[in-house]
Amino acid sequence: MFIGLAVLVAGFITMTLDTADYGLGFLGITLGPILLVVGFVIEFFAIMAKPGGQISTPTETISVEAASTASVAPPVAAPTPAARPTYKR
């Protein structure tokens, strides 16, 4: 994550170092924005990546016999309607 922040800072500094009028040189128009995009992509992946770096896959499978002998929960009763208010308008 700190690498992405460093690339972002480098992109902003690169854009400010451009000596052309109104930042229209190579540094302000091309290199700086490219560094910013790369920095934001690095930050995105740093935020979205799982810690540890490995994708966990379940290795345990349920057999057909175990699934058929599993206990079944009793049915749930339907909810009762809410009581009407006792006051009159």
PDB file of N, CA and C in Angstrom:
ATOM      1  N   MET A   1       0.823  -1.182   0.000  1.00  0.00           N
ATOM      2  CA  MET A   1       0.000   0.000   0.000  1.00  0.00           C
ATOM      3  C   MET A   1       0.872   1.252   0.000  1.00  0.00           C
ATOM      4  N   PHE A   2       1.987   1.181   0.728  1.00  0.00           N
ATOM      5  CA  PHE A   2       2.867   2.345   0.760  1.00  0.00           C
ATOM      6  C   PHE A   2       3.558   2.565  -0.583  1.00  0.00           C
ATOM      7  N   ILE A   3       3.747   1.497  -1.340  1.00  0.00           N
ATOM      8  CA  ILE A   3       4.342   1.641  -2.672  1.00  0.00           C
ATOM      9  C   ILE A   3       3.386   2.429  -3.567  1.00  0.00           C
ATOM     10  N   GLY A   4       2.092   2.125  -3.481  1.00  0.00           N
ATOM     11  CA  GLY A   4       1.103   2.862  -4.266  1.00  0.00           C
ATOM     12  C   GLY A   4       1.064   4.327  -3.888  1.00  0.00           C
ATOM     13  N   LEU A   5       1.141   4.608  -2.581  1.00  0.00           N
ATOM     14  CA  LEU A   5       1.170   6.009  -2.145  1.00  0.00           C
ATOM     15  C   LEU A   5       2.418   6.721  -2.658  1.00  0.00           C
ATOM     16  N   ALA A   6       3.544   6.020  -2.644  1.00  0.00           N
ATOM     17  CA  ALA A   6       4.782   6.619  -3.147  1.00  0.00           C
ATOM     18  C   ALA A   6       4.682   6.915  -4.643  1.00  0.00           C
ATOM     19  N   VAL A   7       4.062   6.017  -5.400  1.00  0.00           N
ATOM     20  CA  VAL A   7       3.895   6.247  -6.841  1.00  0.00           C
ATOM     21  C   VAL A   7       2.946   7.420  -7.076  1.00  0.00           C
ATOM     22  N   LEU A   8       1.896   7.533  -6.264  1.00  0.00           N
ATOM     23  CA  LEU A   8       0.980   8.673  -6.397  1.00  0.00           C
ATOM     24  C   LEU A   8       1.700   9.990  -6.107  1.00  0.00           C
ATOM     25  N   VAL A   9       2.478  10.020  -5.044  1.00  0.00           N
ATOM     26  CA  VAL A   9       3.227  11.235  -4.717  1.00  0.00           C
ATOM     27  C   VAL A   9       4.213  11.562  -5.830  1.00  0.00           C
ATOM     28  N   ALA A  10       4.867  10.549  -6.376  1.00  0.00           N
ATOM     29  CA  ALA A  10       5.804  10.782  -7.481  1.00  0.00           C
ATOM     30  C   ALA A  10       5.071  11.341  -8.700  1.00  0.00           C
ATOM     31  N   GLY A  11       3.848  10.878  -8.955  1.00  0.00           N
ATOM     32  CA  GLY A  11       3.079  11.406 -10.077  1.00  0.00           C
ATOM     33  C   GLY A  11       2.715  12.871  -9.895  1.00  0.00           C
ATOM     34  N   PHE A  12       2.280  13.227  -8.681  1.00  0.00           N
ATOM     35  CA  PHE A  12       1.940  14.635  -8.434  1.00  0.00           C
ATOM     36  C   PHE A  12       3.180  15.526  -8.495  1.00  0.00           C
ATOM     37  N   ILE A  13       4.287  15.063  -7.930  1.00  0.00           N
ATOM     38  CA  ILE A  13       5.525  15.851  -7.980  1.00  0.00           C
ATOM     39  C   ILE A  13       6.007  15.984  -9.419  1.00  0.00           C
ATOM     40  N   THR A  14       5.889  14.915 -10.203  1.00  0.00           N
ATOM     41  CA  THR A  14       6.303  14.968 -11.607  1.00  0.00           C
ATOM     42  C   THR A  14       5.488  15.998 -12.375  1.00  0.00           C
ATOM     43  N   MET A  15       4.195  16.084 -12.086  1.00  0.00           N
ATOM     44  CA  MET A  15       3.368  17.070 -12.799  1.00  0.00           C
ATOM     45  C   MET A  15       3.731  18.498 -12.388  1.00  0.00           C
ATOM     46  N   THR A  16       4.157  18.703 -11.136  1.00  0.00           N
ATOM     47  CA  THR A  16       4.517  20.064 -10.717  1.00  0.00           C
ATOM     48  C   THR A  16       5.895  20.467 -11.220  1.00  0.00           C
ATOM     49  N   LEU A  17       6.746  19.522 -11.561  1.00  0.00           N
ATOM     50  CA  LEU A  17       8.095  19.843 -12.039  1.00  0.00           C
ATOM     51  C   LEU A  17       8.125  20.271 -13.496  1.00  0.00           C
ATOM     52  N   ASP A  18       7.013  20.183 -14.185  1.00  0.00           N
ATOM     53  CA  ASP A  18       6.975  20.546 -15.606  1.00  0.00           C
ATOM     54  C   ASP A  18       7.237  22.043 -15.755  1.00  0.00           C
ATOM     55  N   THR A  19       8.231  22.400 -16.602  1.00  0.00           N
ATOM     56  CA  THR A  19       8.600  23.802 -16.774  1.00  0.00           C
ATOM     57  C   THR A  19       7.891  24.453 -17.955  1.00  0.00           C
ATOM     58  N   ALA A  20       7.153  23.698 -18.732  1.00  0.00           N
ATOM     59  CA  ALA A  20       6.442  24.265 -19.878  1.00  0.00           C
ATOM     60  C   ALA A  20       5.266  25.104 -19.382  1.00  0.00           C
ATOM     61  N   ASP A  21       4.824  26.030 -20.225  1.00  0.00           N
ATOM     62  CA  ASP A  21       3.705  26.888 -19.860  1.00  0.00           C
ATOM     63  C   ASP A  21       2.447  26.052 -19.643  1.00  0.00           C
ATOM     64  N   TYR A  22       1.763  26.333 -18.545  1.00  0.00           N
ATOM     65  CA  TYR A  22       0.493  25.694 -18.189  1.00  0.00           C
ATOM     66  C   TYR A  22       0.598  24.179 -18.093  1.00  0.00           C
ATOM     67  N   GLY A  23       1.767  23.657 -17.822  1.00  0.00           N
ATOM     68  CA  GLY A  23       1.940  22.227 -17.649  1.00  0.00           C
ATOM     69  C   GLY A  23       1.721  21.421 -18.903  1.00  0.00           C
ATOM     70  N   LEU A  24       2.003  22.000 -20.065  1.00  0.00           N
ATOM     71  CA  LEU A  24       1.749  21.313 -21.327  1.00  0.00           C
ATOM     72  C   LEU A  24       2.948  20.532 -21.843  1.00  0.00           C
ATOM     73  N   GLY A  25       3.974  20.336 -21.025  1.00  0.00           N
ATOM     74  CA  GLY A  25       5.133  19.552 -21.451  1.00  0.00           C
ATOM     75  C   GLY A  25       4.904  18.065 -21.239  1.00  0.00           C
ATOM     76  N   PHE A  26       5.948  17.301 -21.527  1.00  0.00           N
ATOM     77  CA  PHE A  26       5.871  15.836 -21.402  1.00  0.00           C
ATOM     78  C   PHE A  26       5.591  15.408 -19.961  1.00  0.00           C
ATOM     79  N   LEU A  27       6.221  16.067 -18.999  1.00  0.00           N
ATOM     80  CA  LEU A  27       6.053  15.666 -17.605  1.00  0.00           C
ATOM     81  C   LEU A  27       4.636  15.921 -17.109  1.00  0.00           C
ATOM     82  N   GLY A  28       4.057  17.062 -17.454  1.00  0.00           N
ATOM     83  CA  GLY A  28       2.742  17.421 -16.937  1.00  0.00           C
ATOM     84  C   GLY A  28       1.586  16.740 -17.649  1.00  0.00           C
ATOM     85  N   ILE A  29       1.759  16.413 -18.909  1.00  0.00           N
ATOM     86  CA  ILE A  29       0.655  15.849 -19.687  1.00  0.00           C
ATOM     87  C   ILE A  29       0.746  14.323 -19.797  1.00  0.00           C
ATOM     88  N   THR A  30       1.951  13.778 -19.854  1.00  0.00           N
ATOM     89  CA  THR A  30       2.087  12.350 -20.129  1.00  0.00           C
ATOM     90  C   THR A  30       2.590  11.548 -18.928  1.00  0.00           C
ATOM     91  N   LEU A  31       3.768  11.850 -18.451  1.00  0.00           N
ATOM     92  CA  LEU A  31       4.391  11.015 -17.434  1.00  0.00           C
ATOM     93  C   LEU A  31       3.681  11.111 -16.077  1.00  0.00           C
ATOM     94  N   GLY A  32       3.321  12.292 -15.658  1.00  0.00           N
ATOM     95  CA  GLY A  32       2.643  12.463 -14.371  1.00  0.00           C
ATOM     96  C   GLY A  32       1.315  11.721 -14.294  1.00  0.00           C
ATOM     97  N   PRO A  33       0.405  11.907 -15.258  1.00  0.00           N
ATOM     98  CA  PRO A  33      -0.857  11.157 -15.216  1.00  0.00           C
ATOM     99  C   PRO A  33      -0.682   9.643 -15.324  1.00  0.00           C
ATOM    100  N   ILE A  34       0.327   9.191 -16.080  1.00  0.00           N
ATOM    101  CA  ILE A  34       0.570   7.746 -16.149  1.00  0.00           C
ATOM    102  C   ILE A  34       0.976   7.220 -14.774  1.00  0.00           C
ATOM    103  N   LEU A  35       1.835   7.947 -14.074  1.00  0.00           N
ATOM    104  CA  LEU A  35       2.231   7.536 -12.728  1.00  0.00           C
ATOM    105  C   LEU A  35       1.028   7.543 -11.781  1.00  0.00           C
ATOM    106  N   LEU A  36       0.133   8.518 -11.928  1.00  0.00           N
ATOM    107  CA  LEU A  36      -1.056   8.563 -11.078  1.00  0.00           C
ATOM    108  C   LEU A  36      -1.964   7.359 -11.319  1.00  0.00           C
ATOM    109  N   VAL A  37      -2.182   7.012 -12.569  1.00  0.00           N
ATOM    110  CA  VAL A  37      -3.035   5.859 -12.882  1.00  0.00           C
ATOM    111  C   VAL A  37      -2.408   4.581 -12.331  1.00  0.00           C
ATOM    112  N   VAL A  38      -1.103   4.429 -12.502  1.00  0.00           N
ATOM    113  CA  VAL A  38      -0.416   3.242 -11.978  1.00  0.00           C
ATOM    114  C   VAL A  38      -0.519   3.213 -10.456  1.00  0.00           C
ATOM    115  N   GLY A  39      -0.376   4.364  -9.816  1.00  0.00           N
ATOM    116  CA  GLY A  39      -0.491   4.424  -8.362  1.00  0.00           C
ATOM    117  C   GLY A  39      -1.874   4.056  -7.877  1.00  0.00           C
ATOM    118  N   PHE A  40      -2.919   4.530  -8.561  1.00  0.00           N
ATOM    119  CA  PHE A  40      -4.282   4.184  -8.160  1.00  0.00           C
ATOM    120  C   PHE A  40      -4.576   2.701  -8.404  1.00  0.00           C
ATOM    121  N   VAL A  41      -4.026   2.126  -9.463  1.00  0.00           N
ATOM    122  CA  VAL A  41      -4.211   0.693  -9.710  1.00  0.00           C
ATOM    123  C   VAL A  41      -3.528  -0.126  -8.607  1.00  0.00           C
ATOM    124  N   ILE A  42      -2.337   0.289  -8.211  1.00  0.00           N
ATOM    125  CA  ILE A  42      -1.628  -0.401  -7.127  1.00  0.00           C
ATOM    126  C   ILE A  42      -2.435  -0.307  -5.839  1.00  0.00           C
ATOM    127  N   GLU A  43      -2.976   0.876  -5.538  1.00  0.00           N
ATOM    128  CA  GLU A  43      -3.791   1.055  -4.334  1.00  0.00           C
ATOM    129  C   GLU A  43      -5.049   0.192  -4.382  1.00  0.00           C
ATOM    130  N   PHE A  44      -5.687   0.112  -5.536  1.00  0.00           N
ATOM    131  CA  PHE A  44      -6.896  -0.705  -5.670  1.00  0.00           C
ATOM    132  C   PHE A  44      -6.603  -2.165  -5.346  1.00  0.00           C
ATOM    133  N   PHE A  45      -5.539  -2.690  -5.927  1.00  0.00           N
ATOM    134  CA  PHE A  45      -5.209  -4.081  -5.679  1.00  0.00           C
ATOM    135  C   PHE A  45      -4.695  -4.296  -4.251  1.00  0.00           C
ATOM    136  N   ALA A  46      -4.059  -3.284  -3.672  1.00  0.00           N
ATOM    137  CA  ALA A  46      -3.606  -3.415  -2.287  1.00  0.00           C
ATOM    138  C   ALA A  46      -4.787  -3.470  -1.335  1.00  0.00           C
ATOM    139  N   ILE A  47      -5.860  -2.765  -1.644  1.00  0.00           N
ATOM    140  CA  ILE A  47      -7.045  -2.772  -0.793  1.00  0.00           C
ATOM    141  C   ILE A  47      -7.850  -4.048  -1.011  1.00  0.00           C
ATOM    142  N   MET A  48      -7.989  -4.483  -2.244  1.00  0.00           N
ATOM    143  CA  MET A  48      -8.871  -5.612  -2.554  1.00  0.00           C
ATOM    144  C   MET A  48      -8.223  -6.982  -2.369  1.00  0.00           C
ATOM    145  N   ALA A  49      -6.916  -7.074  -2.274  1.00  0.00           N
ATOM    146  CA  ALA A  49      -6.247  -8.372  -2.158  1.00  0.00           C
ATOM    147  C   ALA A  49      -6.468  -8.958  -0.773  1.00  0.00           C
ATOM    148  N   LYS A  50      -6.610 -10.290  -0.719  1.00  0.00           N
ATOM    149  CA  LYS A  50      -6.755 -10.976   0.561  1.00  0.00           C
ATOM    150  C   LYS A  50      -5.395 -11.071   1.241  1.00  0.00           C
ATOM    151  N   PRO A  51      -5.367 -10.950   2.559  1.00  0.00           N
ATOM    152  CA  PRO A  51      -4.087 -11.140   3.251  1.00  0.00           C
ATOM    153  C   PRO A  51      -3.630 -12.588   3.114  1.00  0.00           C
ATOM    154  N   GLY A  52      -2.383 -12.804   2.949  1.00  0.00           N
ATOM    155  CA  GLY A  52      -1.855 -14.156   2.776  1.00  0.00           C
ATOM    156  C   GLY A  52      -1.619 -14.500   1.320  1.00  0.00           C
ATOM    157  N   GLY A  53      -2.372 -13.887   0.419  1.00  0.00           N
ATOM    158  CA  GLY A  53      -2.142 -14.052  -0.999  1.00  0.00           C
ATOM    159  C   GLY A  53      -2.651 -15.324  -1.622  1.00  0.00           C
ATOM    160  N   GLN A  54      -3.143 -16.288  -0.854  1.00  0.00           N
ATOM    161  CA  GLN A  54      -3.611 -17.531  -1.445  1.00  0.00           C
ATOM    162  C   GLN A  54      -5.124 -17.598  -1.373  1.00  0.00           C
ATOM    163  N   ILE A  55      -5.701 -18.176  -2.397  1.00  0.00           N
ATOM    164  CA  ILE A  55      -7.142 -18.376  -2.426  1.00  0.00           C
ATOM    165  C   ILE A  55      -7.428 -19.710  -1.758  1.00  0.00           C
ATOM    166  N   SER A  56      -8.279 -19.681  -0.744  1.00  0.00           N
ATOM    167  CA  SER A  56      -8.589 -20.924  -0.041  1.00  0.00           C
ATOM    168  C   SER A  56      -9.716 -21.648  -0.754  1.00  0.00           C
ATOM    169  N   THR A  57      -9.500 -22.931  -0.989  1.00  0.00           N
ATOM    170  CA  THR A  57     -10.527 -23.769  -1.606  1.00  0.00           C
ATOM    171  C   THR A  57     -10.895 -24.870  -0.628  1.00  0.00           C
ATOM    172  N   PRO A  58     -12.179 -25.147  -0.483  1.00  0.00           N
ATOM    173  CA  PRO A  58     -12.571 -26.204   0.445  1.00  0.00           C
ATOM    174  C   PRO A  58     -12.145 -27.566  -0.090  1.00  0.00           C
ATOM    175  N   THR A  59     -11.473 -28.335   0.758  1.00  0.00           N
ATOM    176  CA  THR A  59     -11.018 -29.660   0.336  1.00  0.00           C
ATOM    177  C   THR A  59     -11.928 -30.754   0.870  1.00  0.00           C
ATOM    178  N   GLU A  60     -12.790 -30.407   1.804  1.00  0.00           N
ATOM    179  CA  GLU A  60     -13.680 -31.389   2.400  1.00  0.00           C
ATOM    180  C   GLU A  60     -15.000 -31.403   1.639  1.00  0.00           C
ATOM    181  N   THR A  61     -15.431 -32.577   1.215  1.00  0.00           N
ATOM    182  CA  THR A  61     -16.703 -32.703   0.515  1.00  0.00           C
ATOM    183  C   THR A  61     -17.665 -33.516   1.357  1.00  0.00           C
ATOM    184  N   ILE A  62     -18.929 -33.281   1.176  1.00  0.00           N
ATOM    185  CA  ILE A  62     -19.959 -34.005   1.906  1.00  0.00           C
ATOM    186  C   ILE A  62     -20.418 -35.163   1.043  1.00  0.00           C
ATOM    187  N   SER A  63     -20.431 -36.354   1.631  1.00  0.00           N
ATOM    188  CA  SER A  63     -20.871 -37.516   0.871  1.00  0.00           C
ATOM    189  C   SER A  63     -22.397 -37.551   0.831  1.00  0.00           C
ATOM    190  N   VAL A  64     -22.944 -38.349  -0.058  1.00  0.00           N
ATOM    191  CA  VAL A  64     -24.395 -38.456  -0.217  1.00  0.00           C
ATOM    192  C   VAL A  64     -25.010 -39.075   1.027  1.00  0.00           C
ATOM    193  N   GLU A  65     -24.338 -40.062   1.637  1.00  0.00           N
ATOM    194  CA  GLU A  65     -24.867 -40.699   2.841  1.00  0.00           C
ATOM    195  C   GLU A  65     -24.932 -39.715   3.995  1.00  0.00           C
ATOM    196  N   ALA A  66     -23.906 -38.914   4.165  1.00  0.00           N
ATOM    197  CA  ALA A  66     -23.897 -37.955   5.257  1.00  0.00           C
ATOM    198  C   ALA A  66     -24.976 -36.905   5.063  1.00  0.00           C
ATOM    199  N   ALA A  67     -25.232 -36.522   3.827  1.00  0.00           N
ATOM    200  CA  ALA A  67     -26.258 -35.519   3.559  1.00  0.00           C
ATOM    201  C   ALA A  67     -27.649 -36.083   3.803  1.00  0.00           C
ATOM    202  N   SER A  68     -27.854 -37.372   3.507  1.00  0.00           N
ATOM    203  CA  SER A  68     -29.190 -37.950   3.681  1.00  0.00           C
ATOM    204  C   SER A  68     -29.487 -38.261   5.140  1.00  0.00           C
ATOM    205  N   THR A  69     -28.469 -38.464   5.991  1.00  0.00           N
ATOM    206  CA  THR A  69     -28.701 -38.772   7.397  1.00  0.00           C
ATOM    207  C   THR A  69     -28.694 -37.527   8.269  1.00  0.00           C
ATOM    208  N   ALA A  70     -28.512 -36.363   7.689  1.00  0.00           N
ATOM    209  CA  ALA A  70     -28.487 -35.135   8.470  1.00  0.00           C
ATOM    210  C   ALA A  70     -29.866 -34.856   9.044  1.00  0.00           C
ATOM    211  N   SER A  71     -29.900 -34.283  10.241  1.00  0.00           N
ATOM    212  CA  SER A  71     -31.181 -34.005  10.886  1.00  0.00           C
ATOM    213  C   SER A  71     -31.863 -32.826  10.197  1.00  0.00           C
ATOM    214  N   VAL A  72     -33.181 -32.891  10.176  1.00  0.00           N
ATOM    215  CA  VAL A  72     -33.965 -31.855   9.532  1.00  0.00           C
ATOM    216  C   VAL A  72     -34.616 -31.020  10.625  1.00  0.00           C
ATOM    217  N   ALA A  73     -34.540 -29.711  10.507  1.00  0.00           N
ATOM    218  CA  ALA A  73     -35.119 -28.818  11.506  1.00  0.00           C
ATOM    219  C   ALA A  73     -36.637 -28.837  11.395  1.00  0.00           C
ATOM    220  N   PRO A  74     -37.344 -28.697  12.519  1.00  0.00           N
ATOM    221  CA  PRO A  74     -38.806 -28.681  12.461  1.00  0.00           C
ATOM    222  C   PRO A  74     -39.289 -27.433  11.734  1.00  0.00           C
ATOM    223  N   PRO A  75     -40.478 -27.490  11.126  1.00  0.00           N
ATOM    224  CA  PRO A  75     -40.988 -26.325  10.395  1.00  0.00           C
ATOM    225  C   PRO A  75     -41.240 -25.159  11.353  1.00  0.00           C
ATOM    226  N   VAL A  76     -41.057 -23.976  10.845  1.00  0.00           N
ATOM    227  CA  VAL A  76     -41.239 -22.771  11.642  1.00  0.00           C
ATOM    228  C   VAL A  76     -42.675 -22.297  11.491  1.00  0.00           C
ATOM    229  N   ALA A  77     -43.308 -21.910  12.598  1.00  0.00           N
ATOM    230  CA  ALA A  77     -44.692 -21.433  12.565  1.00  0.00           C
ATOM    231  C   ALA A  77     -44.756 -20.079  11.874  1.00  0.00           C
ATOM    232  N   ALA A  78     -45.873 -19.831  11.221  1.00  0.00           N
ATOM    233  CA  ALA A  78     -46.069 -18.558  10.522  1.00  0.00           C
ATOM    234  C   ALA A  78     -46.190 -17.431  11.542  1.00  0.00           C
ATOM    235  N   PRO A  79     -45.667 -16.268  11.224  1.00  0.00           N
ATOM    236  CA  PRO A  79     -45.737 -15.161  12.178  1.00  0.00           C
ATOM    237  C   PRO A  79     -47.180 -14.670  12.335  1.00  0.00           C
ATOM    238  N   THR A  80     -47.503 -14.236  13.526  1.00  0.00           N
ATOM    239  CA  THR A  80     -48.849 -13.725  13.789  1.00  0.00           C
ATOM    240  C   THR A  80     -48.922 -12.275  13.337  1.00  0.00           C
ATOM    241  N   PRO A  81     -50.096 -11.829  12.860  1.00  0.00           N
ATOM    242  CA  PRO A  81     -50.210 -10.436  12.420  1.00  0.00           C
ATOM    243  C   PRO A  81     -50.102  -9.486  13.613  1.00  0.00           C
ATOM    244  N   ALA A  82     -49.647  -8.298  13.350  1.00  0.00           N
ATOM    245  CA  ALA A  82     -49.466  -7.310  14.407  1.00  0.00           C
ATOM    246  C   ALA A  82     -50.827  -6.872  14.949  1.00  0.00           C
ATOM    247  N   ALA A  83     -50.875  -6.584  16.230  1.00  0.00           N
ATOM    248  CA  ALA A  83     -52.120  -6.157  16.873  1.00  0.00           C
ATOM    249  C   ALA A  83     -52.475  -4.744  16.426  1.00  0.00           C
ATOM    250  N   ARG A  84     -53.793  -4.480  16.304  1.00  0.00           N
ATOM    251  CA  ARG A  84     -54.244  -3.152  15.917  1.00  0.00           C
ATOM    252  C   ARG A  84     -54.114  -2.201  17.086  1.00  0.00           C
ATOM    253  N   PRO A  85     -53.910  -0.939  16.818  1.00  0.00           N
ATOM    254  CA  PRO A  85     -53.817   0.018  17.922  1.00  0.00           C
ATOM    255  C   PRO A  85     -55.178   0.138  18.642  1.00  0.00           C
ATOM    256  N   THR A  86     -55.133   0.419  19.921  1.00  0.00           N
ATOM    257  CA  THR A  86     -56.361   0.479  20.738  1.00  0.00           C
ATOM    258  C   THR A  86     -56.994   1.868  20.726  1.00  0.00           C
ATOM    259  N   TYR A  87     -56.329   2.869  20.239  1.00  0.00           N
ATOM    260  CA  TYR A  87     -56.895   4.214  20.248  1.00  0.00           C
ATOM    261  C   TYR A  87     -57.750   4.440  19.005  1.00  0.00           C
ATOM    262  N   LYS A  88     -58.646   5.402  19.079  1.00  0.00           N
ATOM    263  CA  LYS A  88     -59.483   5.768  17.933  1.00  0.00           C
ATOM    264  C   LYS A  88     -59.206   7.208  17.569  1.00  0.00           C
ATOM    265  N   ARG A  89     -59.326   7.496  16.306  1.00  0.00           N
ATOM    266  CA  ARG A  89     -59.125   8.867  15.843  1.00  0.00           C
ATOM    267  C   ARG A  89     -60.415   9.596  15.724  1.00  0.00           C
TER     268      ARG A  89
END
